[in-house]
Amino acid sequence: MQLLHLLDMPADENVVEHVQSRDPLFTERLVTTTELADFLKISPQAVANHRSRESGPPWVDIGGQVRYRIADVVLWLREHRKYRNAA
């Protein structure tokens, strides 16, 4: 399952339910800051900056290690999509 496919789904579809019906464990998978940065094509420091400003996806602390749930990342990306204003 690819994350980019999930971002292209219509906004009114429940992405998490869709994915869980196909691969129940995928959305619960945890990724590191570096893995998220690689996917977003930004630096790990930029991901950390978003985290410290609370402007990035929700994260969990597991024994001092930061992790991001795939489901949270997908929802965060969909909520922060920008569209060109029709003028």
N, C-alpha and C. Protein backbone atom coordinates (compact mmCIF):
# COMPACT_ATOMS: atom_id res chain seq x y z
N MET A 1 0.86 -1.17 0.00
CA MET A 1 0.00 0.00 0.00
C MET A 1 0.90 1.23 0.00
N GLN A 2 0.65 2.16 -0.88
CA GLN A 2 1.47 3.36 -0.96
C GLN A 2 0.73 4.55 -0.37
N LEU A 3 1.49 5.37 0.35
CA LEU A 3 0.87 6.55 0.97
C LEU A 3 0.34 7.52 -0.06
N LEU A 4 1.04 7.69 -1.17
CA LEU A 4 0.59 8.66 -2.17
C LEU A 4 -0.78 8.30 -2.72
N HIS A 5 -1.06 7.03 -2.88
CA HIS A 5 -2.39 6.59 -3.34
C HIS A 5 -3.46 7.06 -2.37
N LEU A 6 -3.17 7.01 -1.10
CA LEU A 6 -4.16 7.40 -0.09
C LEU A 6 -4.44 8.89 -0.12
N LEU A 7 -3.45 9.68 -0.47
CA LEU A 7 -3.64 11.12 -0.50
C LEU A 7 -4.54 11.55 -1.66
N ASP A 8 -4.61 10.73 -2.69
CA ASP A 8 -5.41 11.07 -3.87
C ASP A 8 -6.87 10.64 -3.76
N MET A 9 -7.22 9.97 -2.69
CA MET A 9 -8.60 9.53 -2.53
C MET A 9 -9.50 10.75 -2.33
N PRO A 10 -10.76 10.66 -2.76
CA PRO A 10 -11.69 11.78 -2.54
C PRO A 10 -11.76 12.17 -1.08
N ALA A 11 -11.90 13.46 -0.83
CA ALA A 11 -11.86 13.99 0.53
C ALA A 11 -12.96 13.42 1.42
N ASP A 12 -14.08 13.01 0.82
CA ASP A 12 -15.18 12.53 1.65
C ASP A 12 -15.04 11.05 2.02
N GLU A 13 -14.04 10.37 1.49
CA GLU A 13 -13.84 8.96 1.83
C GLU A 13 -13.05 8.85 3.11
N ASN A 14 -13.38 7.86 3.92
CA ASN A 14 -12.64 7.61 5.15
C ASN A 14 -11.41 6.78 4.79
N VAL A 15 -10.29 7.44 4.70
CA VAL A 15 -9.06 6.81 4.25
C VAL A 15 -8.63 5.70 5.20
N VAL A 16 -8.68 5.97 6.48
CA VAL A 16 -8.22 4.97 7.44
C VAL A 16 -9.06 3.70 7.35
N GLU A 17 -10.37 3.84 7.28
CA GLU A 17 -11.23 2.66 7.15
C GLU A 17 -10.94 1.91 5.86
N HIS A 18 -10.72 2.64 4.78
CA HIS A 18 -10.41 2.02 3.49
C HIS A 18 -9.15 1.17 3.60
N VAL A 19 -8.11 1.74 4.18
CA VAL A 19 -6.84 1.03 4.28
C VAL A 19 -6.96 -0.15 5.23
N GLN A 20 -7.62 0.06 6.36
CA GLN A 20 -7.74 -1.02 7.32
C GLN A 20 -8.51 -2.20 6.76
N SER A 21 -9.42 -1.94 5.84
CA SER A 21 -10.16 -3.05 5.23
C SER A 21 -9.27 -3.87 4.30
N ARG A 22 -8.23 -3.25 3.76
CA ARG A 22 -7.31 -3.94 2.85
C ARG A 22 -6.08 -4.49 3.56
N ASP A 23 -5.58 -3.76 4.55
CA ASP A 23 -4.36 -4.15 5.26
C ASP A 23 -4.47 -3.62 6.68
N PRO A 24 -5.07 -4.39 7.59
CA PRO A 24 -5.38 -3.90 8.94
C PRO A 24 -4.17 -3.39 9.72
N LEU A 25 -3.00 -3.88 9.46
CA LEU A 25 -1.84 -3.47 10.24
C LEU A 25 -1.11 -2.26 9.65
N PHE A 26 -1.40 -1.93 8.39
CA PHE A 26 -0.65 -0.86 7.73
C PHE A 26 -0.79 0.47 8.45
N THR A 27 -2.00 0.86 8.78
CA THR A 27 -2.21 2.19 9.38
C THR A 27 -1.68 2.28 10.80
N GLU A 28 -1.48 1.14 11.44
CA GLU A 28 -0.94 1.15 12.80
C GLU A 28 0.58 1.10 12.81
N ARG A 29 1.17 0.92 11.66
CA ARG A 29 2.63 0.87 11.58
C ARG A 29 3.21 2.19 12.05
N LEU A 30 4.33 2.12 12.75
CA LEU A 30 5.01 3.30 13.24
C LEU A 30 6.25 3.58 12.40
N VAL A 31 6.49 4.84 12.10
CA VAL A 31 7.68 5.23 11.35
C VAL A 31 8.49 6.22 12.18
N THR A 32 9.78 6.27 11.92
CA THR A 32 10.67 7.18 12.63
C THR A 32 10.62 8.56 12.00
N THR A 33 11.23 9.51 12.68
CA THR A 33 11.35 10.86 12.14
C THR A 33 12.08 10.84 10.80
N THR A 34 13.14 10.06 10.71
CA THR A 34 13.91 9.98 9.46
C THR A 34 13.08 9.38 8.34
N GLU A 35 12.31 8.33 8.63
CA GLU A 35 11.46 7.71 7.61
C GLU A 35 10.39 8.70 7.14
N LEU A 36 9.80 9.44 8.07
CA LEU A 36 8.80 10.43 7.69
C LEU A 36 9.44 11.53 6.86
N ALA A 37 10.61 11.99 7.26
CA ALA A 37 11.32 13.03 6.51
C ALA A 37 11.63 12.56 5.09
N ASP A 38 12.08 11.32 4.96
CA ASP A 38 12.36 10.77 3.62
C ASP A 38 11.11 10.77 2.76
N PHE A 39 9.99 10.36 3.33
CA PHE A 39 8.73 10.33 2.57
C PHE A 39 8.31 11.73 2.16
N LEU A 40 8.42 12.69 3.09
CA LEU A 40 7.99 14.06 2.81
C LEU A 40 9.00 14.86 2.00
N LYS A 41 10.20 14.30 1.83
CA LYS A 41 11.28 14.96 1.09
C LYS A 41 11.71 16.25 1.77
N ILE A 42 11.78 16.18 3.11
CA ILE A 42 12.29 17.29 3.91
C ILE A 42 13.31 16.70 4.88
N SER A 43 14.02 17.56 5.57
CA SER A 43 15.04 17.08 6.50
C SER A 43 14.40 16.57 7.79
N PRO A 44 15.08 15.67 8.48
CA PRO A 44 14.59 15.25 9.80
C PRO A 44 14.45 16.44 10.75
N GLN A 45 15.33 17.43 10.61
CA GLN A 45 15.24 18.63 11.46
C GLN A 45 13.94 19.39 11.19
N ALA A 46 13.52 19.45 9.92
CA ALA A 46 12.26 20.11 9.59
C ALA A 46 11.08 19.38 10.23
N VAL A 47 11.13 18.05 10.22
CA VAL A 47 10.07 17.27 10.89
C VAL A 47 10.08 17.58 12.38
N ALA A 48 11.28 17.63 12.98
CA ALA A 48 11.40 17.94 14.41
C ALA A 48 10.88 19.34 14.71
N ASN A 49 11.16 20.28 13.81
CA ASN A 49 10.66 21.65 14.00
C ASN A 49 9.13 21.68 13.99
N HIS A 50 8.52 20.96 13.05
CA HIS A 50 7.05 20.88 13.01
C HIS A 50 6.52 20.29 14.31
N ARG A 51 7.21 19.25 14.80
CA ARG A 51 6.79 18.60 16.04
C ARG A 51 6.86 19.59 17.21
N SER A 52 7.95 20.33 17.31
CA SER A 52 8.10 21.24 18.45
C SER A 52 7.12 22.41 18.38
N ARG A 53 6.70 22.79 17.16
CA ARG A 53 5.71 23.86 17.00
C ARG A 53 4.28 23.32 17.02
N GLU A 54 4.16 21.99 17.15
CA GLU A 54 2.87 21.31 17.11
C GLU A 54 2.11 21.61 15.82
N SER A 55 2.87 21.72 14.72
CA SER A 55 2.24 21.95 13.42
C SER A 55 2.37 20.73 12.51
N GLY A 56 2.96 19.67 13.01
CA GLY A 56 3.12 18.45 12.22
C GLY A 56 2.12 17.40 12.64
N PRO A 57 2.28 16.21 12.11
CA PRO A 57 1.35 15.13 12.49
C PRO A 57 1.53 14.73 13.95
N PRO A 58 0.49 14.19 14.56
CA PRO A 58 0.62 13.70 15.93
C PRO A 58 1.72 12.64 16.01
N TRP A 59 2.35 12.55 17.15
CA TRP A 59 3.43 11.60 17.33
C TRP A 59 3.30 10.93 18.69
N VAL A 60 4.00 9.84 18.84
CA VAL A 60 4.02 9.12 20.12
C VAL A 60 5.45 9.01 20.60
N ASP A 61 5.60 8.99 21.91
CA ASP A 61 6.91 8.83 22.53
C ASP A 61 6.94 7.43 23.13
N ILE A 62 7.83 6.62 22.63
CA ILE A 62 7.96 5.25 23.13
C ILE A 62 9.37 5.13 23.72
N GLY A 63 9.44 5.22 25.03
CA GLY A 63 10.72 5.11 25.70
C GLY A 63 11.74 6.14 25.24
N GLY A 64 11.26 7.36 24.99
CA GLY A 64 12.14 8.43 24.56
C GLY A 64 12.38 8.48 23.06
N GLN A 65 11.75 7.57 22.33
CA GLN A 65 11.89 7.53 20.87
C GLN A 65 10.60 8.05 20.23
N VAL A 66 10.74 8.98 19.29
CA VAL A 66 9.58 9.57 18.61
C VAL A 66 9.18 8.66 17.45
N ARG A 67 7.88 8.39 17.37
CA ARG A 67 7.34 7.59 16.26
C ARG A 67 6.04 8.23 15.78
N TYR A 68 5.73 8.00 14.51
CA TYR A 68 4.51 8.52 13.88
C TYR A 68 3.71 7.34 13.35
N ARG A 69 2.40 7.31 13.65
CA ARG A 69 1.51 6.28 13.08
C ARG A 69 1.18 6.67 11.64
N ILE A 70 1.20 5.71 10.75
CA ILE A 70 0.87 5.96 9.34
C ILE A 70 -0.51 6.60 9.24
N ALA A 71 -1.48 6.11 9.99
CA ALA A 71 -2.85 6.66 9.93
C ALA A 71 -2.84 8.15 10.25
N ASP A 72 -2.08 8.55 11.28
CA ASP A 72 -2.02 9.96 11.66
C ASP A 72 -1.35 10.80 10.60
N VAL A 73 -0.31 10.27 9.98
CA VAL A 73 0.40 11.00 8.93
C VAL A 73 -0.51 11.23 7.73
N VAL A 74 -1.22 10.18 7.32
CA VAL A 74 -2.13 10.30 6.17
C VAL A 74 -3.22 11.32 6.45
N LEU A 75 -3.83 11.26 7.61
CA LEU A 75 -4.89 12.21 7.95
C LEU A 75 -4.34 13.63 8.02
N TRP A 76 -3.17 13.80 8.62
CA TRP A 76 -2.55 15.13 8.70
C TRP A 76 -2.28 15.70 7.31
N LEU A 77 -1.74 14.88 6.43
CA LEU A 77 -1.46 15.35 5.07
C LEU A 77 -2.74 15.74 4.35
N ARG A 78 -3.78 14.93 4.48
CA ARG A 78 -5.04 15.25 3.82
C ARG A 78 -5.67 16.52 4.39
N GLU A 79 -5.53 16.73 5.69
CA GLU A 79 -6.09 17.94 6.30
C GLU A 79 -5.33 19.20 5.91
N HIS A 80 -4.09 19.05 5.47
CA HIS A 80 -3.26 20.21 5.15
C HIS A 80 -3.03 20.39 3.66
N ARG A 81 -3.86 19.75 2.86
CA ARG A 81 -3.76 19.96 1.41
C ARG A 81 -4.17 21.38 1.09
N LYS A 82 -3.51 21.95 0.13
CA LYS A 82 -3.83 23.31 -0.32
C LYS A 82 -4.30 23.23 -1.76
N TYR A 83 -5.26 24.05 -2.08
CA TYR A 83 -5.79 24.12 -3.43
C TYR A 83 -5.64 25.55 -3.93
N ARG A 84 -5.41 25.68 -5.18
CA ARG A 84 -5.33 27.01 -5.78
C ARG A 84 -6.68 27.68 -5.65
N ASN A 85 -6.66 28.92 -5.23
CA ASN A 85 -7.92 29.66 -5.11
C ASN A 85 -8.47 29.97 -6.49
N ALA A 86 -9.72 29.70 -6.69
CA ALA A 86 -10.37 30.04 -7.96
C ALA A 86 -10.71 31.52 -7.94
N ALA A 87 -10.17 32.26 -8.88
CA ALA A 87 -10.40 33.72 -8.90
C ALA A 87 -11.12 34.14 -10.16
